C-alpha atoms as a PDB file:
ATOM      1  CA  UNK A   1      72.793  86.143  42.231  1.00  0.00           C
ATOM      2  CA  UNK A   2      71.971  82.403  42.063  1.00  0.00           C
ATOM      3  CA  UNK A   3      72.833  80.423  45.181  1.00  0.00           C
ATOM      4  CA  UNK A   4      74.862  77.700  43.495  1.00  0.00           C
ATOM      5  CA  UNK A   5      77.511  77.959  40.821  1.00  0.00           C
ATOM      6  CA  UNK A   6      77.199  75.823  37.706  1.00  0.00           C
ATOM      7  CA  UNK A   7      78.971  72.490  37.484  1.00  0.00           C
ATOM      8  CA  UNK A   8      82.166  72.648  35.439  1.00  0.00           C
ATOM      9  CA  UNK A   9      81.832  71.528  31.842  1.00  0.00           C
ATOM     10  CA  UNK A  10      84.316  70.614  29.096  1.00  0.00           C
ATOM     11  CA  UNK A  11      84.937  73.620  26.913  1.00  0.00           C
ATOM     12  CA  UNK A  12      85.446  76.102  29.732  1.00  0.00           C
ATOM     13  CA  UNK A  13      88.387  78.524  29.685  1.00  0.00           C
ATOM     14  CA  UNK A  14      89.484  79.900  33.057  1.00  0.00           C
ATOM     15  CA  UNK A  15      90.695  83.454  33.691  1.00  0.00           C
ATOM     16  CA  UNK A  16      91.806  84.051  37.263  1.00  0.00           C
ATOM     17  CA  UNK A  17      92.655  87.204  39.178  1.00  0.00           C
ATOM     18  CA  UNK A  18      95.325  86.613  41.829  1.00  0.00           C
ATOM     19  CA  UNK A  19      95.260  88.937  44.866  1.00  0.00           C
ATOM     20  CA  UNK A  20      91.977  88.685  46.725  1.00  0.00           C
ATOM     21  CA  UNK A  21      90.852  85.782  44.523  1.00  0.00           C
ATOM     22  CA  UNK A  22      93.501  83.041  44.611  1.00  0.00           C
ATOM     23  CA  UNK A  23      95.514  84.603  47.452  1.00  0.00           C
ATOM     24  CA  UNK A  24      94.346  86.457  50.537  1.00  0.00           C
ATOM     25  CA  UNK A  25      95.263  90.129  50.520  1.00  0.00           C
ATOM     26  CA  UNK A  26      98.375  91.021  52.512  1.00  0.00           C
ATOM     27  CA  UNK A  27      99.582  94.286  54.035  1.00  0.00           C
ATOM     28  CA  UNK A  28     102.000  94.702  51.101  1.00  0.00           C
ATOM     29  CA  UNK A  29     102.223  93.001  47.681  1.00  0.00           C
ATOM     30  CA  UNK A  30     105.423  91.248  48.805  1.00  0.00           C
ATOM     31  CA  UNK A  31     103.629  89.695  51.765  1.00  0.00           C
ATOM     32  CA  UNK A  32     101.931  86.872  49.845  1.00  0.00           C
ATOM     33  CA  UNK A  33     103.124  83.351  49.084  1.00  0.00           C
ATOM     34  CA  UNK A  34     101.759  80.681  46.765  1.00  0.00           C
ATOM     35  CA  UNK A  35     101.385  77.267  48.362  1.00  0.00           C
ATOM     36  CA  UNK A  36     101.945  73.914  46.690  1.00  0.00           C
ATOM     37  CA  UNK A  37      98.228  73.027  46.774  1.00  0.00           C
ATOM     38  CA  UNK A  38      97.267  76.080  44.717  1.00  0.00           C
ATOM     39  CA  UNK A  39      99.952  75.348  42.134  1.00  0.00           C
ATOM     40  CA  UNK A  40      98.716  71.769  41.891  1.00  0.00           C
ATOM     41  CA  UNK A  41      95.133  72.915  41.320  1.00  0.00           C
ATOM     42  CA  UNK A  42      96.269  75.192  38.508  1.00  0.00           C
ATOM     43  CA  UNK A  43      98.308  72.407  36.925  1.00  0.00           C
ATOM     44  CA  UNK A  44      95.264  70.124  37.040  1.00  0.00           C
ATOM     45  CA  UNK A  45      93.078  72.803  35.472  1.00  0.00           C
ATOM     46  CA  UNK A  46      95.650  73.416  32.754  1.00  0.00           C
ATOM     47  CA  UNK A  47      95.611  69.730  31.845  1.00  0.00           C
ATOM     48  CA  UNK A  48      91.832  69.387  32.108  1.00  0.00           C
ATOM     49  CA  UNK A  49      91.120  72.418  29.897  1.00  0.00           C
ATOM     50  CA  UNK A  50      93.715  71.787  27.216  1.00  0.00           C
ATOM     51  CA  UNK A  51      95.806  74.648  28.637  1.00  0.00           C
ATOM     52  CA  UNK A  52      92.921  77.136  28.463  1.00  0.00           C
ATOM     53  CA  UNK A  53      93.770  78.897  31.718  1.00  0.00           C
ATOM     54  CA  UNK A  54      95.288  82.356  32.246  1.00  0.00           C
ATOM     55  CA  UNK A  55      96.175  84.587  35.181  1.00  0.00           C
ATOM     56  CA  UNK A  56      94.893  88.182  35.009  1.00  0.00           C
ATOM     57  CA  UNK A  57      96.666  90.499  37.448  1.00  0.00           C
ATOM     58  CA  UNK A  58      97.724  94.003  38.302  1.00  0.00           C
ATOM     59  CA  UNK A  59     101.187  92.603  39.066  1.00  0.00           C
ATOM     60  CA  UNK A  60     103.909  92.583  36.383  1.00  0.00           C
ATOM     61  CA  UNK A  61     104.286  89.277  34.534  1.00  0.00           C
ATOM     62  CA  UNK A  62     107.771  88.724  35.961  1.00  0.00           C
ATOM     63  CA  UNK A  63     106.431  89.042  39.491  1.00  0.00           C
ATOM     64  CA  UNK A  64     103.608  86.606  38.742  1.00  0.00           C
ATOM     65  CA  UNK A  65     106.115  84.099  37.356  1.00  0.00           C
ATOM     66  CA  UNK A  66     108.242  84.400  40.493  1.00  0.00           C
ATOM     67  CA  UNK A  67     105.238  83.773  42.730  1.00  0.00           C
ATOM     68  CA  UNK A  68     104.024  80.722  40.829  1.00  0.00           C
ATOM     69  CA  UNK A  69     107.409  79.253  39.790  1.00  0.00           C
ATOM     70  CA  UNK A  70     108.076  76.851  38.215  1.00  0.00           C
ATOM     71  CA  UNK A  71     104.562  77.121  36.733  1.00  0.00           C
ATOM     72  CA  UNK A  72     104.305  79.525  33.777  1.00  0.00           C
ATOM     73  CA  UNK A  73     100.790  80.156  32.508  1.00  0.00           C
ATOM     74  CA  UNK A  74      99.428  82.579  29.930  1.00  0.00           C
ATOM     75  CA  UNK A  75      99.363  85.783  31.949  1.00  0.00           C
ATOM     76  CA  UNK A  76      98.125  89.352  31.676  1.00  0.00           C
ATOM     77  CA  UNK A  77     100.153  91.710  33.852  1.00  0.00           C
ATOM     78  CA  UNK A  78      99.580  95.306  34.902  1.00  0.00           C
ATOM     79  CA  UNK A  79      95.872  95.092  34.017  1.00  0.00           C
ATOM     80  CA  UNK A  80      96.615  93.912  30.497  1.00  0.00           C
ATOM     81  CA  UNK A  81      99.285  96.447  29.628  1.00  0.00           C
ATOM     82  CA  UNK A  82     101.504  93.400  29.102  1.00  0.00           C
ATOM     83  CA  UNK A  83     100.231  89.969  28.109  1.00  0.00           C
ATOM     84  CA  UNK A  84     101.843  86.588  27.496  1.00  0.00           C
ATOM     85  CA  UNK A  85      99.643  84.595  25.136  1.00  0.00           C
ATOM     86  CA  UNK A  86      99.143  80.853  24.922  1.00  0.00           C
ATOM     87  CA  UNK A  87     102.169  80.412  22.670  1.00  0.00           C
ATOM     88  CA  UNK A  88     104.446  82.265  25.094  1.00  0.00           C
ATOM     89  CA  UNK A  89     104.742  85.510  23.122  1.00  0.00           C
ATOM     90  CA  UNK A  90     104.676  88.661  25.279  1.00  0.00           C
ATOM     91  CA  UNK A  91     102.747  91.685  23.985  1.00  0.00           C
ATOM     92  CA  UNK A  92     103.306  95.125  25.527  1.00  0.00           C
ATOM     93  CA  UNK A  93     100.810  97.857  24.788  1.00  0.00           C
ATOM     94  CA  UNK A  94     102.499 100.926  26.266  1.00  0.00           C
ATOM     95  CA  UNK A  95     105.867 102.411  27.069  1.00  0.00           C
ATOM     96  CA  UNK A  96     106.863 103.626  30.536  1.00  0.00           C
ATOM     97  CA  UNK A  97     105.366 107.067  31.064  1.00  0.00           C
ATOM     98  CA  UNK A  98     107.791 109.944  31.513  1.00  0.00           C
ATOM     99  CA  UNK A  99     105.264 111.386  33.966  1.00  0.00           C
ATOM    100  CA  UNK A 100     105.895 108.685  36.568  1.00  0.00           C
ATOM    101  CA  UNK A 101     109.093 110.352  37.786  1.00  0.00           C
ATOM    102  CA  UNK A 102     107.270 113.636  38.309  1.00  0.00           C
ATOM    103  CA  UNK A 103     104.413 111.926  40.140  1.00  0.00           C
ATOM    104  CA  UNK A 104     106.822 109.950  42.325  1.00  0.00           C
ATOM    105  CA  UNK A 105     108.649 113.192  43.154  1.00  0.00           C
ATOM    106  CA  UNK A 106     105.386 114.848  44.219  1.00  0.00           C
ATOM    107  CA  UNK A 107     104.397 111.856  46.354  1.00  0.00           C
ATOM    108  CA  UNK A 108     107.805 111.387  48.011  1.00  0.00           C
ATOM    109  CA  UNK A 109     107.226 113.924  50.849  1.00  0.00           C
ATOM    110  CA  UNK A 110     103.853 112.323  51.628  1.00  0.00           C
ATOM    111  CA  UNK A 111     105.440 108.864  51.732  1.00  0.00           C
ATOM    112  CA  UNK A 112     108.225 110.180  53.999  1.00  0.00           C
ATOM    113  CA  UNK A 113     105.658 111.469  56.501  1.00  0.00           C
ATOM    114  CA  UNK A 114     103.642 108.244  56.361  1.00  0.00           C
ATOM    115  CA  UNK A 115     105.924 105.173  56.229  1.00  0.00           C
ATOM    116  CA  UNK A 116     102.925 102.891  55.663  1.00  0.00           C
ATOM    117  CA  UNK A 117     102.305 104.488  52.258  1.00  0.00           C
ATOM    118  CA  UNK A 118     103.868 102.265  49.595  1.00  0.00           C
ATOM    119  CA  UNK A 119     104.817 103.566  46.145  1.00  0.00           C
ATOM    120  CA  UNK A 120     105.180 100.718  43.649  1.00  0.00           C
ATOM    121  CA  UNK A 121     106.621 101.581  40.243  1.00  0.00           C
ATOM    122  CA  UNK A 122     105.883  98.562  38.033  1.00  0.00           C
ATOM    123  CA  UNK A 123     107.466  99.758  34.793  1.00  0.00           C
ATOM    124  CA  UNK A 124     104.307 100.418  32.779  1.00  0.00           C
ATOM    125  CA  UNK A 125     102.018 101.377  35.675  1.00  0.00           C
ATOM    126  CA  UNK A 126     102.346 103.038  39.065  1.00  0.00           C
ATOM    127  CA  UNK A 127     100.541 101.808  42.191  1.00  0.00           C
ATOM    128  CA  UNK A 128     100.145 103.630  45.497  1.00  0.00           C
ATOM    129  CA  UNK A 129      99.102 101.318  48.357  1.00  0.00           C
ATOM    130  CA  UNK A 130      97.540 102.840  51.476  1.00  0.00           C
ATOM    131  CA  UNK A 131      96.286  99.703  53.253  1.00  0.00           C
ATOM    132  CA  UNK A 132      98.450 100.552  56.288  1.00  0.00           C
ATOM    133  CA  UNK A 133      97.342 104.215  56.338  1.00  0.00           C
ATOM    134  CA  UNK A 134      93.673 104.097  55.232  1.00  0.00           C
ATOM    135  CA  UNK A 135      93.008 107.615  56.499  1.00  0.00           C
ATOM    136  CA  UNK A 136      95.098 108.929  53.595  1.00  0.00           C
ATOM    137  CA  UNK A 137      92.728 107.513  50.973  1.00  0.00           C
ATOM    138  CA  UNK A 138      90.656 110.629  50.307  1.00  0.00           C
ATOM    139  CA  UNK A 139      93.627 113.002  50.210  1.00  0.00           C
ATOM    140  CA  UNK A 140      95.593 110.637  47.989  1.00  0.00           C
ATOM    141  CA  UNK A 141      92.803 110.307  45.424  1.00  0.00           C
ATOM    142  CA  UNK A 142      92.350 114.085  45.251  1.00  0.00           C
ATOM    143  CA  UNK A 143      96.092 114.640  44.848  1.00  0.00           C
ATOM    144  CA  UNK A 144      96.404 112.081  42.069  1.00  0.00           C
ATOM    145  CA  UNK A 145      93.428 113.484  40.174  1.00  0.00           C
ATOM    146  CA  UNK A 146      95.134 116.876  40.309  1.00  0.00           C
ATOM    147  CA  UNK A 147      98.419 115.423  39.061  1.00  0.00           C
ATOM    148  CA  UNK A 148      96.707 113.707  36.132  1.00  0.00           C
ATOM    149  CA  UNK A 149      94.699 116.728  34.979  1.00  0.00           C
ATOM    150  CA  UNK A 150      97.148 117.345  32.141  1.00  0.00           C
ATOM    151  CA  UNK A 151      97.973 113.690  31.436  1.00  0.00           C
ATOM    152  CA  UNK A 152      95.442 112.660  28.790  1.00  0.00           C
ATOM    153  CA  UNK A 153      97.230 109.364  28.163  1.00  0.00           C
ATOM    154  CA  UNK A 154      96.865 108.140  31.760  1.00  0.00           C
ATOM    155  CA  UNK A 155      93.936 107.302  34.046  1.00  0.00           C
ATOM    156  CA  UNK A 156      93.345 106.387  37.679  1.00  0.00           C
ATOM    157  CA  UNK A 157      92.287 102.862  38.553  1.00  0.00           C
ATOM    158  CA  UNK A 158      90.817 102.349  42.023  1.00  0.00           C
ATOM    159  CA  UNK A 159      91.301  99.106  43.931  1.00  0.00           C
ATOM    160  CA  UNK A 160      91.151  97.762  47.476  1.00  0.00           C
ATOM    161  CA  UNK A 161      93.274 100.235  49.451  1.00  0.00           C
ATOM    162  CA  UNK A 162      95.286 100.991  46.331  1.00  0.00           C
ATOM    163  CA  UNK A 163      95.065 103.464  43.488  1.00  0.00           C
ATOM    164  CA  UNK A 164      96.956 102.899  40.268  1.00  0.00           C
ATOM    165  CA  UNK A 165      97.982 105.100  37.390  1.00  0.00           C
ATOM    166  CA  UNK A 166      97.737 103.221  34.120  1.00  0.00           C
ATOM    167  CA  UNK A 167      97.670 104.058  30.399  1.00  0.00           C
ATOM    168  CA  UNK A 168      94.202 104.547  28.921  1.00  0.00           C
ATOM    169  CA  UNK A 169      92.800 101.970  26.551  1.00  0.00           C
ATOM    170  CA  UNK A 170      93.687  98.816  28.482  1.00  0.00           C
ATOM    171  CA  UNK A 171      91.774  96.832  31.089  1.00  0.00           C
ATOM    172  CA  UNK A 172      91.071  93.233  32.081  1.00  0.00           C
ATOM    173  CA  UNK A 173      88.044  93.002  29.812  1.00  0.00           C
ATOM    174  CA  UNK A 174      90.052  93.898  26.718  1.00  0.00           C
ATOM    175  CA  UNK A 175      92.675  91.377  27.786  1.00  0.00           C
ATOM    176  CA  UNK A 176      90.150  88.545  28.090  1.00  0.00           C
ATOM    177  CA  UNK A 177      88.774  89.430  24.658  1.00  0.00           C
ATOM    178  CA  UNK A 178      92.270  89.115  23.197  1.00  0.00           C
ATOM    179  CA  UNK A 179      92.871  85.751  24.839  1.00  0.00           C
ATOM    180  CA  UNK A 180      89.501  84.478  23.617  1.00  0.00           C
ATOM    181  CA  UNK A 181      90.452  85.230  20.000  1.00  0.00           C
ATOM    182  CA  UNK A 182      93.505  82.960  20.218  1.00  0.00           C
ATOM    183  CA  UNK A 183      94.329  79.301  20.806  1.00  0.00           C
ATOM    184  CA  UNK A 184      93.799  77.513  23.166  1.00  0.00           C
ATOM    185  CA  UNK A 185      90.925  79.755  24.333  1.00  0.00           C
ATOM    186  CA  UNK A 186      89.119  80.325  21.045  1.00  0.00           C
ATOM    187  CA  UNK A 187      85.696  78.721  20.870  1.00  0.00           C
ATOM    188  CA  UNK A 188      85.496  78.018  24.605  1.00  0.00           C
ATOM    189  CA  UNK A 189      83.226  79.447  27.299  1.00  0.00           C
ATOM    190  CA  UNK A 190      85.051  82.032  29.445  1.00  0.00           C
ATOM    191  CA  UNK A 191      84.978  81.753  33.239  1.00  0.00           C
ATOM    192  CA  UNK A 192      86.438  84.712  35.136  1.00  0.00           C
ATOM    193  CA  UNK A 193      86.997  84.955  38.898  1.00  0.00           C
ATOM    194  CA  UNK A 194      87.871  88.325  40.449  1.00  0.00           C
ATOM    195  CA  UNK A 195      87.327  90.312  43.617  1.00  0.00           C
ATOM    196  CA  UNK A 196      87.950  93.996  42.942  1.00  0.00           C
ATOM    197  CA  UNK A 197      86.706  97.014  41.006  1.00  0.00           C
ATOM    198  CA  UNK A 198      89.401  96.346  38.394  1.00  0.00           C
ATOM    199  CA  UNK A 199      87.758  93.002  37.622  1.00  0.00           C
ATOM    200  CA  UNK A 200      84.392  94.518  36.699  1.00  0.00           C
ATOM    201  CA  UNK A 201      85.672  95.172  33.163  1.00  0.00           C
ATOM    202  CA  UNK A 202      86.303  91.455  32.838  1.00  0.00           C
ATOM    203  CA  UNK A 203      82.920  90.517  34.281  1.00  0.00           C
ATOM    204  CA  UNK A 204      81.117  92.684  31.720  1.00  0.00           C
ATOM    205  CA  UNK A 205      83.028  91.169  28.809  1.00  0.00           C
ATOM    206  CA  UNK A 206      82.484  87.605  30.024  1.00  0.00           C
ATOM    207  CA  UNK A 207      78.762  88.290  30.502  1.00  0.00           C
ATOM    208  CA  UNK A 208      78.536  89.549  26.915  1.00  0.00           C
ATOM    209  CA  UNK A 209      80.138  86.270  25.787  1.00  0.00           C
ATOM    210  CA  UNK A 210      77.537  84.262  27.758  1.00  0.00           C
ATOM    211  CA  UNK A 211      80.289  83.029  30.042  1.00  0.00           C
ATOM    212  CA  UNK A 212      80.478  82.725  33.821  1.00  0.00           C
ATOM    213  CA  UNK A 213      81.542  85.796  35.829  1.00  0.00           C
ATOM    214  CA  UNK A 214      82.236  85.096  39.491  1.00  0.00           C
ATOM    215  CA  UNK A 215      82.736  87.738  42.170  1.00  0.00           C
ATOM    216  CA  UNK A 216      84.864  86.662  45.131  1.00  0.00           C
ATOM    217  CA  UNK A 217      83.892  88.434  48.350  1.00  0.00           C
ATOM    218  CA  UNK A 218      81.333  91.138  49.182  1.00  0.00           C
ATOM    219  CA  UNK A 219      80.369  94.248  47.259  1.00  0.00           C
ATOM    220  CA  UNK A 220      78.205  95.257  44.320  1.00  0.00           C
ATOM    221  CA  UNK A 221      79.183  93.641  41.062  1.00  0.00           C
ATOM    222  CA  UNK A 222      78.140  92.895  37.492  1.00  0.00           C
ATOM    223  CA  UNK A 223      79.185  89.281  38.073  1.00  0.00           C
ATOM    224  CA  UNK A 224      76.480  86.637  37.702  1.00  0.00           C
ATOM    225  CA  UNK A 225      77.785  84.415  40.493  1.00  0.00           C
ATOM    226  CA  UNK A 226      79.449  84.914  43.861  1.00  0.00           C
ATOM    227  CA  UNK A 227      81.835  83.057  46.151  1.00  0.00           C
ATOM    228  CA  UNK A 228      82.271  84.389  49.702  1.00  0.00           C
ATOM    229  CA  UNK A 229      86.060  84.423  49.984  1.00  0.00           C
ATOM    230  CA  UNK A 230      89.425  83.150  48.743  1.00  0.00           C
ATOM    231  CA  UNK A 231      89.006  79.822  50.493  1.00  0.00           C
ATOM    232  CA  UNK A 232      85.694  79.192  48.732  1.00  0.00           C
ATOM    233  CA  UNK A 233      87.147  80.249  45.383  1.00  0.00           C
ATOM    234  CA  UNK A 234      90.031  77.821  45.692  1.00  0.00           C
ATOM    235  CA  UNK A 235      87.733  75.017  46.834  1.00  0.00           C
ATOM    236  CA  UNK A 236      85.464  75.565  43.835  1.00  0.00           C
ATOM    237  CA  UNK A 237      88.432  75.546  41.440  1.00  0.00           C
ATOM    238  CA  UNK A 238      89.587  72.256  42.957  1.00  0.00           C
ATOM    239  CA  UNK A 239      86.105  70.841  42.349  1.00  0.00           C
ATOM    240  CA  UNK A 240      86.245  72.049  38.751  1.00  0.00           C
ATOM    241  CA  UNK A 241      89.623  70.399  38.234  1.00  0.00           C
ATOM    242  CA  UNK A 242      88.347  67.115  39.642  1.00  0.00           C
ATOM    243  CA  UNK A 243      85.151  67.269  37.584  1.00  0.00           C
ATOM    244  CA  UNK A 244      86.923  68.034  34.325  1.00  0.00           C
ATOM    245  CA  UNK A 245      89.821  65.615  34.780  1.00  0.00           C
ATOM    246  CA  UNK A 246      87.874  62.456  33.742  1.00  0.00           C
ATOM    247  CA  UNK A 247      86.540  64.212  30.633  1.00  0.00           C
ATOM    248  CA  UNK A 248      90.035  65.333  29.680  1.00  0.00           C
ATOM    249  CA  UNK A 249      91.369  61.795  30.216  1.00  0.00           C
ATOM    250  CA  UNK A 250      88.623  60.401  28.013  1.00  0.00           C
ATOM    251  CA  UNK A 251      89.425  62.819  25.211  1.00  0.00           C
ATOM    252  CA  UNK A 252      93.101  61.890  25.347  1.00  0.00           C
ATOM    253  CA  UNK A 253      92.396  58.126  25.364  1.00  0.00           C
ATOM    254  CA  UNK A 254      90.172  58.356  22.308  1.00  0.00           C
ATOM    255  CA  UNK A 255      92.917  60.120  20.396  1.00  0.00           C
ATOM    256  CA  UNK A 256      92.411  62.148  17.197  1.00  0.00           C
ATOM    257  CA  UNK A 257      89.401  61.514  15.013  1.00  0.00           C
ATOM    258  CA  UNK A 258      90.037  59.457  11.870  1.00  0.00           C
END
């Protein structure tokens, strides 16, 4: 990967993963907070890009809104199973699976024996976090593959110390493609920051669009650029906001073409 990221240019559209990219990973999903400085950076980017900025997360949209309140951005939740577009309309691409109850029932005894195992039912997806009991990872993956043998409509999605059960046919790459076909993203150059296996779908799509894919943290990736950690990612986004702000101000002062 090249050593230095490109300088921000007018016409960029930003797509940002949250956990591990904008926020450091915590022991549990509830253990994170969003500071005022991050919200301010996102507000500045929204203004500088003509509102061409979206959050792309495994969290439900409602949870994302609570974290970033009062800021409400275009957001893809649950890996794109639900998506709020630039006009504020929410699209949902699946119904809650009736299999989740059965899976939760099978996992309940395991969770009772290992209090650090967290079962997170998100409505349209199911996440099992084992960050506090990493030794369970192999057994958990095998068990879930067995449980999904007869569930053709669902698939496993690996992440950092988490495995999720999600409907087939949706991922972050598809979500970015949908955003890019709509205002205010249409015609812009996509820039996607992510840190996990789930973000590789987005990197591939952005690469195909000749955009900028940026991996945050270590590990193999299809991304064309890399930032070492969350702190570096946030610093770079601040630089982008500052670089783009004068251009955005100039566009506004010139007003509409006559």
